[in-house]
Every structure is written in structure tokens, then in C-alpha cells.
Amino acid sequence: MCYTREQIETAVKAKGYKWFTSNNYDVNIVGVRNAETEGKVTNRFDDCVTISYKDESGEWNFHCFDATTDPGSHWEKNIMRKEGVAILKEGQYRGSHKIGLHAGKYEALRQQKPLKVYRDNDKDGVYDFIEENVHEGIYGINIHRATSREGGKSTQVDKWSAGCQVIAANKDFKLFMEIVNKAAKVWGNSFTYTLINSNDIA
């Protein structure tokens, strides 16, 4: 499931969110949740994480990576808190992430400001997007990779996500981190994350 930069930009702007247009790696990091799954726990990397930015010369660059924006089946069934597993609520979260270590192991984008999540504790194989179950806080909703295997790509989410936004392919994540590291040198170590739904895209 991938799109064009123009599609992502149009959808983000249509929701009234900020779209960054300055030269030199002023990045737009946008996740797209796949509406076709109808909330079912597929345990697959069937969403995407995109990154759009202008380079030093002012040319637009765009990458679309297979990812999950939802927790895997393991954590949906084996909840870590009584309120239930965390599912990130769609929205734009300004300055929500920074470069840091994921699980103390490798560089990723770590949550640094409160995010809104749905909590689902009924273990029924369907994500519950219910407003009264929305919580807000620091929950370690990071943007990281799945497999550490060089050139590898994970196909099942399983334990890779308990609510994190997870890029399936090792090489895709390396490229993603190269870009955000360049961005941090120019704009500082603070990144906005936007999560939209595939239904938002024309």
C-alpha cells in the first residue's frame, strides 16, 4: 500500500494539518492506516509510513515504506496493562518524537510528548476505535524497525509492535534514519508525526 507525495500532501492539508515546505530536510513524516482491513488484527505490515521533504536544492523527495501503525496479534492477546493494548489515534502530533534509542538498543524516533491512544482490552481480534477509550500520555509509541537482519524484511508483526509505528524492511528503516538525522542537524532533534487513514486519500 503506497501513494504519491501529492496524494499525501493533499490529504494532510485537507485535514487542516501543517505541511512543511522549507528546503533542506524539513521533513513530513506521515503514517497511513489501511482502512481496507476494517479494524481486524491482520498481524501484517499492511499500512505505510511516508517521508516527504525538499533537499538542499529545493527538490521534493518522497519515500513510502511498508509498515504497521497498529499493534501485532501477540500484544492484542497478551495485554500489558489492564486498560488494554495501545492503538495510536489518527491525528497530527507536533514535535512528538526525537532521535533516541529504542528499547536502549538502536537509534529510532522516540516519543517525547504525549500522544492519544485507544485502549483495547477485549482480545477479540478487532481493534476498538472507541472515543471513550482514548487515553493520552507518554507510552513509548516509537517509530522503529522490525527485523535487525541486514537486507531483511518482516512479514508478520507479532511482537514487533505493542502500539509503535514499525517499518518492516531493515533497509527502509536505515534510509528513514539517514534522512531524519540530516533533518536534525538543520532543524533540531524534534519531529512531528502525522497519522491519517487511507480513506482520507483521494
N, C-alpha and C. Protein backbone atom coordinates (compact mmCIF):
# COMPACT_ATOMS: atom_id res chain seq x y z
N MET A 1 0.85 -1.19 0.00
CA MET A 1 0.00 0.00 0.00
C MET A 1 0.88 1.24 0.00
N CYS A 2 0.99 1.90 -1.16
CA CYS A 2 1.79 3.12 -1.20
C CYS A 2 1.11 4.16 -2.08
N TYR A 3 1.53 5.38 -1.89
CA TYR A 3 0.88 6.53 -2.51
C TYR A 3 1.93 7.45 -3.11
N THR A 4 1.48 8.56 -3.68
CA THR A 4 2.40 9.58 -4.17
C THR A 4 2.52 10.69 -3.12
N ARG A 5 3.56 11.47 -3.24
CA ARG A 5 3.71 12.61 -2.33
C ARG A 5 2.54 13.55 -2.45
N GLU A 6 2.09 13.78 -3.68
CA GLU A 6 0.98 14.70 -3.89
C GLU A 6 -0.29 14.23 -3.17
N GLN A 7 -0.54 12.92 -3.21
CA GLN A 7 -1.71 12.38 -2.51
C GLN A 7 -1.61 12.60 -1.00
N ILE A 8 -0.43 12.35 -0.46
CA ILE A 8 -0.22 12.52 0.98
C ILE A 8 -0.36 13.99 1.36
N GLU A 9 0.28 14.87 0.59
CA GLU A 9 0.23 16.30 0.88
C GLU A 9 -1.22 16.81 0.84
N THR A 10 -1.96 16.42 -0.18
CA THR A 10 -3.35 16.86 -0.31
C THR A 10 -4.19 16.40 0.88
N ALA A 11 -4.00 15.15 1.29
CA ALA A 11 -4.78 14.60 2.40
C ALA A 11 -4.44 15.30 3.72
N VAL A 12 -3.16 15.55 3.94
CA VAL A 12 -2.73 16.22 5.18
C VAL A 12 -3.29 17.63 5.24
N LYS A 13 -3.18 18.36 4.14
CA LYS A 13 -3.69 19.74 4.12
C LYS A 13 -5.21 19.78 4.26
N ALA A 14 -5.89 18.80 3.67
CA ALA A 14 -7.36 18.77 3.73
C ALA A 14 -7.86 18.62 5.16
N LYS A 15 -7.03 18.01 6.01
CA LYS A 15 -7.42 17.84 7.42
C LYS A 15 -7.02 19.05 8.26
N GLY A 16 -6.43 20.05 7.61
CA GLY A 16 -6.03 21.26 8.33
C GLY A 16 -4.72 21.12 9.08
N TYR A 17 -3.95 20.10 8.75
CA TYR A 17 -2.68 19.88 9.42
C TYR A 17 -1.56 20.67 8.74
N LYS A 18 -0.47 20.85 9.47
CA LYS A 18 0.71 21.54 8.95
C LYS A 18 1.43 20.64 7.94
N TRP A 19 1.83 21.26 6.80
CA TRP A 19 2.67 20.58 5.81
C TRP A 19 3.94 21.41 5.67
N PHE A 20 5.09 20.79 5.92
CA PHE A 20 6.36 21.52 5.97
C PHE A 20 6.97 21.62 4.57
N THR A 21 7.36 22.83 4.18
CA THR A 21 7.79 23.06 2.79
C THR A 21 9.16 23.73 2.67
N SER A 22 9.85 23.96 3.77
CA SER A 22 11.16 24.61 3.68
C SER A 22 12.18 23.67 3.04
N ASN A 23 13.20 24.26 2.43
CA ASN A 23 14.28 23.46 1.84
C ASN A 23 15.10 22.79 2.94
N ASN A 24 15.91 21.82 2.51
CA ASN A 24 16.94 21.25 3.37
C ASN A 24 16.36 20.39 4.51
N TYR A 25 15.58 19.38 4.12
CA TYR A 25 15.17 18.31 5.05
C TYR A 25 14.19 18.77 6.14
N ASP A 26 13.26 19.62 5.77
CA ASP A 26 12.16 19.98 6.67
C ASP A 26 11.08 18.91 6.47
N VAL A 27 11.20 17.80 7.18
CA VAL A 27 10.51 16.56 6.82
C VAL A 27 9.05 16.53 7.26
N ASN A 28 8.24 15.85 6.44
CA ASN A 28 6.87 15.48 6.77
C ASN A 28 6.84 13.96 6.94
N ILE A 29 6.63 13.50 8.17
CA ILE A 29 6.54 12.07 8.44
C ILE A 29 5.06 11.74 8.64
N VAL A 30 4.53 10.95 7.71
CA VAL A 30 3.08 10.68 7.70
C VAL A 30 2.84 9.18 7.60
N GLY A 31 2.15 8.64 8.59
CA GLY A 31 1.72 7.25 8.53
C GLY A 31 0.32 7.17 7.94
N VAL A 32 0.05 6.07 7.24
CA VAL A 32 -1.29 5.86 6.66
C VAL A 32 -1.81 4.51 7.15
N ARG A 33 -2.90 4.56 7.89
CA ARG A 33 -3.55 3.33 8.38
C ARG A 33 -4.49 2.79 7.30
N ASN A 34 -4.40 1.50 7.05
CA ASN A 34 -5.14 0.84 5.98
C ASN A 34 -6.60 0.61 6.40
N ALA A 35 -7.52 1.33 5.78
CA ALA A 35 -8.94 1.19 6.13
C ALA A 35 -9.54 -0.11 5.61
N GLU A 36 -8.90 -0.72 4.61
CA GLU A 36 -9.47 -1.93 4.00
C GLU A 36 -9.51 -3.11 4.96
N THR A 37 -8.71 -3.06 6.02
CA THR A 37 -8.71 -4.17 6.98
C THR A 37 -9.93 -4.11 7.91
N GLU A 38 -10.65 -2.98 7.89
CA GLU A 38 -11.87 -2.80 8.70
C GLU A 38 -11.62 -3.06 10.18
N GLY A 39 -10.42 -2.68 10.65
CA GLY A 39 -10.12 -2.81 12.07
C GLY A 39 -9.71 -4.19 12.53
N LYS A 40 -9.67 -5.15 11.62
CA LYS A 40 -9.28 -6.51 12.01
C LYS A 40 -7.78 -6.57 12.29
N VAL A 41 -7.41 -7.41 13.23
CA VAL A 41 -5.99 -7.61 13.55
C VAL A 41 -5.40 -8.54 12.50
N THR A 42 -4.79 -7.98 11.48
CA THR A 42 -4.24 -8.79 10.39
C THR A 42 -2.86 -9.34 10.72
N ASN A 43 -2.16 -8.68 11.67
CA ASN A 43 -0.79 -9.06 12.05
C ASN A 43 0.17 -8.94 10.87
N ARG A 44 -0.13 -8.04 9.94
CA ARG A 44 0.70 -7.82 8.76
C ARG A 44 1.14 -6.36 8.68
N PHE A 45 2.18 -6.15 7.90
CA PHE A 45 2.66 -4.79 7.66
C PHE A 45 1.89 -4.22 6.46
N ASP A 46 0.60 -3.95 6.69
CA ASP A 46 -0.27 -3.55 5.59
C ASP A 46 -0.67 -2.07 5.66
N ASP A 47 0.09 -1.30 6.44
CA ASP A 47 -0.03 0.16 6.46
C ASP A 47 1.24 0.72 5.81
N CYS A 48 1.45 2.02 5.91
CA CYS A 48 2.72 2.56 5.43
C CYS A 48 3.12 3.78 6.24
N VAL A 49 4.42 4.03 6.25
CA VAL A 49 4.99 5.26 6.80
C VAL A 49 5.69 5.97 5.65
N THR A 50 5.36 7.24 5.45
CA THR A 50 5.94 8.02 4.36
C THR A 50 6.78 9.15 4.92
N ILE A 51 7.74 9.60 4.11
CA ILE A 51 8.51 10.78 4.48
C ILE A 51 8.71 11.63 3.22
N SER A 52 8.34 12.89 3.32
CA SER A 52 8.40 13.84 2.21
C SER A 52 9.22 15.04 2.66
N TYR A 53 10.10 15.52 1.78
CA TYR A 53 10.94 16.67 2.16
C TYR A 53 11.59 17.26 0.91
N LYS A 54 11.97 18.52 1.03
CA LYS A 54 12.78 19.15 0.00
C LYS A 54 14.25 19.02 0.39
N ASP A 55 15.08 18.68 -0.60
CA ASP A 55 16.51 18.57 -0.33
C ASP A 55 17.18 19.94 -0.38
N GLU A 56 18.52 19.96 -0.37
CA GLU A 56 19.26 21.22 -0.34
C GLU A 56 18.96 22.10 -1.54
N SER A 57 18.64 21.49 -2.67
CA SER A 57 18.38 22.25 -3.90
C SER A 57 16.91 22.63 -4.06
N GLY A 58 16.08 22.24 -3.10
CA GLY A 58 14.66 22.59 -3.18
C GLY A 58 13.81 21.59 -3.93
N GLU A 59 14.41 20.45 -4.31
CA GLU A 59 13.66 19.39 -5.00
C GLU A 59 12.95 18.50 -3.98
N TRP A 60 11.68 18.18 -4.30
CA TRP A 60 10.94 17.29 -3.41
C TRP A 60 11.47 15.86 -3.51
N ASN A 61 11.56 15.19 -2.38
CA ASN A 61 11.88 13.77 -2.29
C ASN A 61 10.75 13.09 -1.53
N PHE A 62 10.50 11.82 -1.87
CA PHE A 62 9.40 11.10 -1.23
C PHE A 62 9.74 9.62 -1.13
N HIS A 63 9.47 9.05 0.02
CA HIS A 63 9.65 7.61 0.23
C HIS A 63 8.43 7.07 0.95
N CYS A 64 8.03 5.86 0.56
CA CYS A 64 6.86 5.21 1.16
C CYS A 64 7.30 3.80 1.59
N PHE A 65 7.20 3.51 2.87
CA PHE A 65 7.71 2.27 3.43
C PHE A 65 6.56 1.40 3.96
N ASP A 66 6.60 0.11 3.64
CA ASP A 66 5.65 -0.83 4.26
C ASP A 66 5.86 -0.82 5.77
N ALA A 67 4.76 -0.75 6.50
CA ALA A 67 4.85 -0.58 7.96
C ALA A 67 3.56 -1.06 8.61
N THR A 68 3.55 -1.04 9.93
CA THR A 68 2.30 -1.18 10.68
C THR A 68 2.12 0.04 11.56
N THR A 69 0.89 0.51 11.66
CA THR A 69 0.55 1.58 12.60
C THR A 69 -0.25 1.02 13.77
N ASP A 70 -0.40 -0.30 13.80
CA ASP A 70 -1.22 -0.98 14.80
C ASP A 70 -0.40 -2.04 15.54
N PRO A 71 -0.79 -2.39 16.75
CA PRO A 71 -0.09 -3.46 17.46
C PRO A 71 -0.29 -4.82 16.81
N GLY A 72 0.69 -5.70 17.03
CA GLY A 72 0.60 -7.06 16.49
C GLY A 72 -0.33 -7.93 17.32
N SER A 73 -0.58 -9.13 16.79
CA SER A 73 -1.53 -10.03 17.43
C SER A 73 -1.06 -10.48 18.81
N HIS A 74 0.26 -10.58 19.00
CA HIS A 74 0.76 -11.03 20.31
C HIS A 74 0.29 -10.11 21.42
N TRP A 75 0.49 -8.79 21.22
CA TRP A 75 0.15 -7.84 22.29
C TRP A 75 -1.35 -7.54 22.34
N GLU A 76 -2.05 -7.82 21.24
CA GLU A 76 -3.51 -7.68 21.29
C GLU A 76 -4.12 -8.77 22.18
N LYS A 77 -3.48 -9.93 22.18
CA LYS A 77 -3.96 -11.05 23.00
C LYS A 77 -3.34 -11.06 24.41
N ASN A 78 -2.11 -10.56 24.51
CA ASN A 78 -1.38 -10.59 25.79
C ASN A 78 -1.14 -9.16 26.26
N ILE A 79 -2.21 -8.54 26.75
CA ILE A 79 -2.14 -7.11 27.06
C ILE A 79 -1.24 -6.86 28.27
N MET A 80 -0.50 -5.74 28.20
CA MET A 80 0.46 -5.42 29.25
C MET A 80 -0.14 -4.57 30.36
N ARG A 81 -1.27 -3.89 30.07
CA ARG A 81 -1.96 -3.13 31.11
C ARG A 81 -3.44 -3.42 31.03
N LYS A 82 -4.09 -3.32 32.15
CA LYS A 82 -5.50 -3.75 32.22
C LYS A 82 -6.39 -2.95 31.28
N GLU A 83 -6.01 -1.68 31.00
CA GLU A 83 -6.82 -0.86 30.09
C GLU A 83 -6.78 -1.40 28.66
N GLY A 84 -5.75 -2.17 28.34
CA GLY A 84 -5.66 -2.77 27.02
C GLY A 84 -4.47 -2.30 26.22
N VAL A 85 -4.31 -2.90 25.06
CA VAL A 85 -3.21 -2.57 24.16
C VAL A 85 -3.44 -1.17 23.57
N ALA A 86 -2.33 -0.48 23.26
CA ALA A 86 -2.41 0.89 22.73
C ALA A 86 -2.49 0.88 21.21
N ILE A 87 -3.43 1.66 20.68
CA ILE A 87 -3.56 1.86 19.23
C ILE A 87 -3.54 3.37 19.01
N LEU A 88 -2.53 3.87 18.31
CA LEU A 88 -2.38 5.32 18.15
C LEU A 88 -3.60 5.91 17.43
N LYS A 89 -4.14 6.98 18.00
CA LYS A 89 -5.27 7.68 17.40
C LYS A 89 -4.77 8.54 16.25
N GLU A 90 -5.50 8.53 15.15
CA GLU A 90 -5.11 9.34 14.00
C GLU A 90 -5.12 10.82 14.38
N GLY A 91 -4.15 11.55 13.83
CA GLY A 91 -4.04 12.97 14.13
C GLY A 91 -2.64 13.46 13.81
N GLN A 92 -2.41 14.75 14.03
CA GLN A 92 -1.07 15.31 13.87
C GLN A 92 -0.54 15.67 15.25
N TYR A 93 0.66 15.19 15.53
CA TYR A 93 1.28 15.36 16.83
C TYR A 93 2.57 16.17 16.65
N ARG A 94 2.48 17.47 16.92
CA ARG A 94 3.60 18.38 16.67
C ARG A 94 4.73 18.14 17.67
N GLY A 95 5.94 17.97 17.15
CA GLY A 95 7.11 17.79 17.99
C GLY A 95 7.05 16.57 18.89
N SER A 96 6.37 15.54 18.42
CA SER A 96 6.07 14.38 19.27
C SER A 96 7.25 13.43 19.47
N HIS A 97 8.22 13.45 18.56
CA HIS A 97 9.28 12.46 18.58
C HIS A 97 10.67 13.11 18.47
N LYS A 98 11.66 12.37 18.94
CA LYS A 98 13.05 12.80 18.80
C LYS A 98 13.91 11.56 18.55
N ILE A 99 15.08 11.78 18.00
CA ILE A 99 16.02 10.67 17.79
C ILE A 99 16.54 10.21 19.15
N GLY A 100 16.48 8.92 19.38
CA GLY A 100 16.97 8.34 20.63
C GLY A 100 17.00 6.83 20.48
N LEU A 101 17.32 6.13 21.54
CA LEU A 101 17.43 4.68 21.47
C LEU A 101 16.07 4.03 21.68
N HIS A 102 15.74 3.08 20.82
CA HIS A 102 14.54 2.27 21.01
C HIS A 102 14.91 1.06 21.87
N ALA A 103 14.22 0.93 22.99
CA ALA A 103 14.47 -0.18 23.93
C ALA A 103 15.94 -0.22 24.36
N GLY A 104 16.61 0.93 24.32
CA GLY A 104 18.00 1.02 24.72
C GLY A 104 18.98 0.35 23.78
N LYS A 105 18.52 0.02 22.56
CA LYS A 105 19.33 -0.82 21.68
C LYS A 105 19.85 -0.12 20.42
N TYR A 106 19.00 0.60 19.72
CA TYR A 106 19.42 1.20 18.46
C TYR A 106 18.65 2.49 18.23
N GLU A 107 19.21 3.33 17.35
CA GLU A 107 18.63 4.64 17.10
C GLU A 107 17.30 4.54 16.35
N ALA A 108 16.31 5.26 16.83
CA ALA A 108 14.98 5.29 16.22
C ALA A 108 14.38 6.65 16.58
N LEU A 109 13.11 6.86 16.26
CA LEU A 109 12.41 8.04 16.73
C LEU A 109 11.60 7.66 17.96
N ARG A 110 11.92 8.31 19.07
CA ARG A 110 11.27 8.03 20.36
C ARG A 110 10.20 9.07 20.67
N GLN A 111 9.13 8.61 21.26
CA GLN A 111 8.08 9.53 21.71
C GLN A 111 8.64 10.44 22.80
N GLN A 112 8.41 11.77 22.63
CA GLN A 112 8.86 12.70 23.66
C GLN A 112 7.74 13.59 24.21
N LYS A 113 6.58 13.58 23.55
CA LYS A 113 5.43 14.35 24.03
C LYS A 113 4.21 13.44 24.07
N PRO A 114 3.19 13.81 24.85
CA PRO A 114 2.00 12.95 24.96
C PRO A 114 1.32 12.70 23.61
N LEU A 115 0.88 11.47 23.44
CA LEU A 115 0.10 11.05 22.27
C LEU A 115 -1.22 10.48 22.74
N LYS A 116 -2.21 10.49 21.86
CA LYS A 116 -3.51 9.91 22.17
C LYS A 116 -3.58 8.49 21.61
N VAL A 117 -4.02 7.57 22.45
CA VAL A 117 -4.16 6.17 22.02
C VAL A 117 -5.53 5.64 22.44
N TYR A 118 -6.06 4.75 21.60
CA TYR A 118 -7.20 3.94 22.03
C TYR A 118 -6.65 2.79 22.86
N ARG A 119 -7.42 2.37 23.87
CA ARG A 119 -7.05 1.19 24.65
C ARG A 119 -8.10 0.10 24.38
N ASP A 120 -7.61 -1.08 24.03
CA ASP A 120 -8.48 -2.19 23.65
C ASP A 120 -8.10 -3.41 24.48
N ASN A 121 -9.01 -3.88 25.32
CA ASN A 121 -8.67 -5.00 26.22
C ASN A 121 -9.56 -6.23 26.06
N ASP A 122 -10.35 -6.29 24.98
CA ASP A 122 -11.28 -7.43 24.88
C ASP A 122 -10.73 -8.63 24.09
N LYS A 123 -9.55 -8.47 23.50
CA LYS A 123 -8.82 -9.59 22.88
C LYS A 123 -9.65 -10.34 21.83
N ASP A 124 -10.47 -9.59 21.08
CA ASP A 124 -11.39 -10.24 20.14
C ASP A 124 -10.91 -10.24 18.69
N GLY A 125 -9.65 -9.82 18.46
CA GLY A 125 -9.12 -9.83 17.10
C GLY A 125 -9.57 -8.66 16.25
N VAL A 126 -10.21 -7.68 16.88
CA VAL A 126 -10.64 -6.46 16.18
C VAL A 126 -10.23 -5.26 17.02
N TYR A 127 -9.58 -4.28 16.39
CA TYR A 127 -9.20 -3.08 17.12
C TYR A 127 -10.44 -2.24 17.41
N ASP A 128 -10.55 -1.77 18.64
CA ASP A 128 -11.69 -0.95 19.04
C ASP A 128 -11.30 0.53 19.02
N PHE A 129 -11.81 1.25 18.03
CA PHE A 129 -11.54 2.69 17.92
C PHE A 129 -12.70 3.44 18.57
N ILE A 130 -12.74 3.42 19.89
CA ILE A 130 -13.86 3.97 20.65
C ILE A 130 -13.39 5.20 21.41
N GLU A 131 -14.08 6.32 21.21
CA GLU A 131 -13.63 7.60 21.78
C GLU A 131 -13.53 7.55 23.31
N GLU A 132 -14.46 6.86 23.97
CA GLU A 132 -14.40 6.84 25.44
C GLU A 132 -13.23 6.03 25.97
N ASN A 133 -12.56 5.28 25.08
CA ASN A 133 -11.37 4.52 25.48
C ASN A 133 -10.07 5.22 25.11
N VAL A 134 -10.13 6.52 24.80
CA VAL A 134 -8.93 7.26 24.43
C VAL A 134 -8.20 7.71 25.69
N HIS A 135 -6.91 7.46 25.72
CA HIS A 135 -6.02 7.91 26.80
C HIS A 135 -4.92 8.76 26.17
N GLU A 136 -4.33 9.65 26.96
CA GLU A 136 -3.25 10.49 26.45
C GLU A 136 -2.08 10.45 27.42
N GLY A 137 -0.88 10.25 26.87
CA GLY A 137 0.29 10.21 27.74
C GLY A 137 1.53 9.78 26.99
N ILE A 138 2.59 9.53 27.74
CA ILE A 138 3.85 9.04 27.20
C ILE A 138 3.84 7.52 27.36
N TYR A 139 3.73 6.82 26.25
CA TYR A 139 3.59 5.36 26.29
C TYR A 139 4.70 4.63 25.52
N GLY A 140 5.71 5.36 25.09
CA GLY A 140 6.75 4.70 24.30
C GLY A 140 6.28 4.31 22.92
N ILE A 141 5.44 5.17 22.31
CA ILE A 141 4.97 4.92 20.94
C ILE A 141 6.05 5.43 20.00
N ASN A 142 7.03 4.58 19.75
CA ASN A 142 8.19 4.96 18.94
C ASN A 142 7.98 4.61 17.47
N ILE A 143 8.84 5.17 16.63
CA ILE A 143 8.88 4.80 15.21
C ILE A 143 10.19 4.04 15.02
N HIS A 144 10.09 2.75 14.78
CA HIS A 144 11.30 1.92 14.74
C HIS A 144 11.17 0.84 13.66
N ARG A 145 12.13 -0.06 13.62
CA ARG A 145 12.15 -1.12 12.61
C ARG A 145 11.68 -2.43 13.20
N ALA A 146 11.42 -3.37 12.30
CA ALA A 146 11.17 -4.74 12.72
C ALA A 146 12.52 -5.47 12.71
N THR A 147 12.77 -6.34 11.75
CA THR A 147 13.96 -7.19 11.76
C THR A 147 15.27 -6.39 11.79
N SER A 148 16.24 -6.94 12.51
CA SER A 148 17.59 -6.36 12.52
C SER A 148 18.48 -7.00 11.45
N ARG A 149 17.94 -8.01 10.76
CA ARG A 149 18.74 -8.73 9.76
C ARG A 149 19.03 -7.85 8.55
N GLU A 150 20.28 -7.73 8.21
CA GLU A 150 20.71 -6.91 7.07
C GLU A 150 19.96 -7.33 5.81
N GLY A 151 19.28 -6.40 5.17
CA GLY A 151 18.53 -6.69 3.96
C GLY A 151 17.23 -7.43 4.20
N GLY A 152 16.90 -7.69 5.45
CA GLY A 152 15.70 -8.46 5.78
C GLY A 152 14.44 -7.61 5.81
N LYS A 153 13.30 -8.29 5.72
CA LYS A 153 12.00 -7.63 5.80
C LYS A 153 11.03 -8.54 6.53
N SER A 154 10.45 -8.04 7.60
CA SER A 154 9.48 -8.84 8.36
C SER A 154 8.13 -8.86 7.65
N THR A 155 7.43 -9.97 7.76
CA THR A 155 6.11 -10.09 7.14
C THR A 155 4.99 -10.15 8.17
N GLN A 156 5.31 -10.60 9.39
CA GLN A 156 4.30 -10.66 10.45
C GLN A 156 4.70 -9.73 11.59
N VAL A 157 3.71 -9.02 12.13
CA VAL A 157 4.00 -8.02 13.16
C VAL A 157 4.33 -8.69 14.50
N ASP A 158 3.52 -9.66 14.92
CA ASP A 158 3.76 -10.42 16.16
C ASP A 158 4.13 -9.49 17.33
N LYS A 159 5.38 -9.63 17.84
CA LYS A 159 5.80 -8.82 18.99
C LYS A 159 6.46 -7.50 18.59
N TRP A 160 6.59 -7.24 17.30
CA TRP A 160 7.32 -6.04 16.88
C TRP A 160 6.61 -4.76 17.31
N SER A 161 5.31 -4.78 17.43
CA SER A 161 4.58 -3.57 17.83
C SER A 161 3.58 -3.85 18.94
N ALA A 162 3.71 -3.05 20.01
CA ALA A 162 2.68 -3.00 21.05
C ALA A 162 1.99 -1.64 20.99
N GLY A 163 2.02 -1.05 19.79
CA GLY A 163 1.46 0.28 19.57
C GLY A 163 2.40 1.19 18.81
N CYS A 164 3.67 0.77 18.69
CA CYS A 164 4.65 1.55 17.93
C CYS A 164 4.31 1.54 16.44
N GLN A 165 4.91 2.50 15.74
CA GLN A 165 4.81 2.57 14.28
C GLN A 165 6.08 1.89 13.75
N VAL A 166 5.93 0.77 13.08
CA VAL A 166 7.08 -0.10 12.80
C VAL A 166 7.25 -0.32 11.30
N ILE A 167 8.45 0.00 10.81
CA ILE A 167 8.81 -0.17 9.40
C ILE A 167 9.33 -1.60 9.19
N ALA A 168 8.79 -2.27 8.18
CA ALA A 168 9.02 -3.71 8.01
C ALA A 168 10.44 -4.06 7.56
N ALA A 169 10.99 -3.30 6.61
CA ALA A 169 12.26 -3.66 5.98
C ALA A 169 13.43 -2.94 6.63
N ASN A 170 14.48 -3.68 6.91
CA ASN A 170 15.67 -3.12 7.53
C ASN A 170 16.27 -1.99 6.70
N LYS A 171 16.37 -2.19 5.39
CA LYS A 171 16.99 -1.16 4.53
C LYS A 171 16.13 0.10 4.47
N ASP A 172 14.82 -0.06 4.50
CA ASP A 172 13.92 1.10 4.50
C ASP A 172 14.12 1.93 5.77
N PHE A 173 14.25 1.24 6.89
CA PHE A 173 14.43 1.96 8.15
C PHE A 173 15.78 2.67 8.18
N LYS A 174 16.81 2.04 7.63
CA LYS A 174 18.12 2.71 7.57
C LYS A 174 18.03 4.01 6.78
N LEU A 175 17.35 3.96 5.64
CA LEU A 175 17.17 5.16 4.83
C LEU A 175 16.37 6.21 5.61
N PHE A 176 15.31 5.79 6.26
CA PHE A 176 14.49 6.69 7.06
C PHE A 176 15.34 7.41 8.11
N MET A 177 16.19 6.67 8.81
CA MET A 177 17.02 7.27 9.85
C MET A 177 18.11 8.17 9.27
N GLU A 178 18.64 7.83 8.11
CA GLU A 178 19.60 8.72 7.45
C GLU A 178 18.97 10.08 7.19
N ILE A 179 17.72 10.06 6.71
CA ILE A 179 17.02 11.31 6.39
C ILE A 179 16.74 12.11 7.65
N VAL A 180 16.22 11.47 8.71
CA VAL A 180 15.88 12.23 9.91
C VAL A 180 17.13 12.74 10.63
N ASN A 181 18.23 12.03 10.52
CA ASN A 181 19.47 12.53 11.10
C ASN A 181 19.96 13.78 10.38
N LYS A 182 19.81 13.80 9.05
CA LYS A 182 20.15 15.01 8.30
C LYS A 182 19.23 16.15 8.70
N ALA A 183 17.95 15.84 8.86
CA ALA A 183 16.97 16.86 9.27
C ALA A 183 17.31 17.44 10.64
N ALA A 184 17.72 16.58 11.56
CA ALA A 184 18.01 17.03 12.92
C ALA A 184 19.17 18.01 12.96
N LYS A 185 20.14 17.83 12.06
CA LYS A 185 21.30 18.73 12.03
C LYS A 185 20.90 20.14 11.61
N VAL A 186 19.83 20.25 10.83
CA VAL A 186 19.38 21.55 10.34
C VAL A 186 18.28 22.13 11.24
N TRP A 187 17.32 21.31 11.60
CA TRP A 187 16.10 21.79 12.25
C TRP A 187 16.00 21.44 13.73
N GLY A 188 16.97 20.67 14.23
CA GLY A 188 16.92 20.26 15.63
C GLY A 188 16.27 18.90 15.80
N ASN A 189 16.48 18.32 16.96
CA ASN A 189 16.03 16.95 17.23
C ASN A 189 14.60 16.94 17.77
N SER A 190 13.68 17.30 16.89
CA SER A 190 12.25 17.27 17.23
C SER A 190 11.47 17.06 15.94
N PHE A 191 10.57 16.09 15.95
CA PHE A 191 9.87 15.69 14.73
C PHE A 191 8.37 15.58 14.98
N THR A 192 7.61 16.06 14.01
CA THR A 192 6.15 15.93 14.04
C THR A 192 5.75 14.64 13.35
N TYR A 193 4.84 13.90 13.95
CA TYR A 193 4.31 12.69 13.31
C TYR A 193 2.82 12.88 13.06
N THR A 194 2.41 12.55 11.85
CA THR A 194 1.01 12.65 11.44
C THR A 194 0.52 11.27 11.04
N LEU A 195 -0.61 10.86 11.59
CA LEU A 195 -1.22 9.58 11.21
C LEU A 195 -2.58 9.86 10.60
N ILE A 196 -2.76 9.43 9.35
CA ILE A 196 -4.04 9.58 8.66
C ILE A 196 -4.58 8.20 8.28
N ASN A 197 -5.75 8.18 7.72
CA ASN A 197 -6.40 6.94 7.31
C ASN A 197 -6.39 6.87 5.78
N SER A 198 -6.32 5.67 5.24
CA SER A 198 -6.32 5.55 3.78
C SER A 198 -7.61 6.11 3.17
N ASN A 199 -8.68 6.15 3.94
CA ASN A 199 -9.92 6.78 3.45
C ASN A 199 -9.79 8.28 3.26
N ASP A 200 -8.77 8.88 3.88
CA ASP A 200 -8.54 10.32 3.72
C ASP A 200 -7.90 10.66 2.38
N ILE A 201 -7.42 9.65 1.67
CA ILE A 201 -6.64 9.87 0.45
C ILE A 201 -7.51 9.64 -0.78
N ALA A 202 -7.51 10.63 -1.66
CA ALA A 202 -8.33 10.54 -2.88
C ALA A 202 -7.66 9.63 -3.90
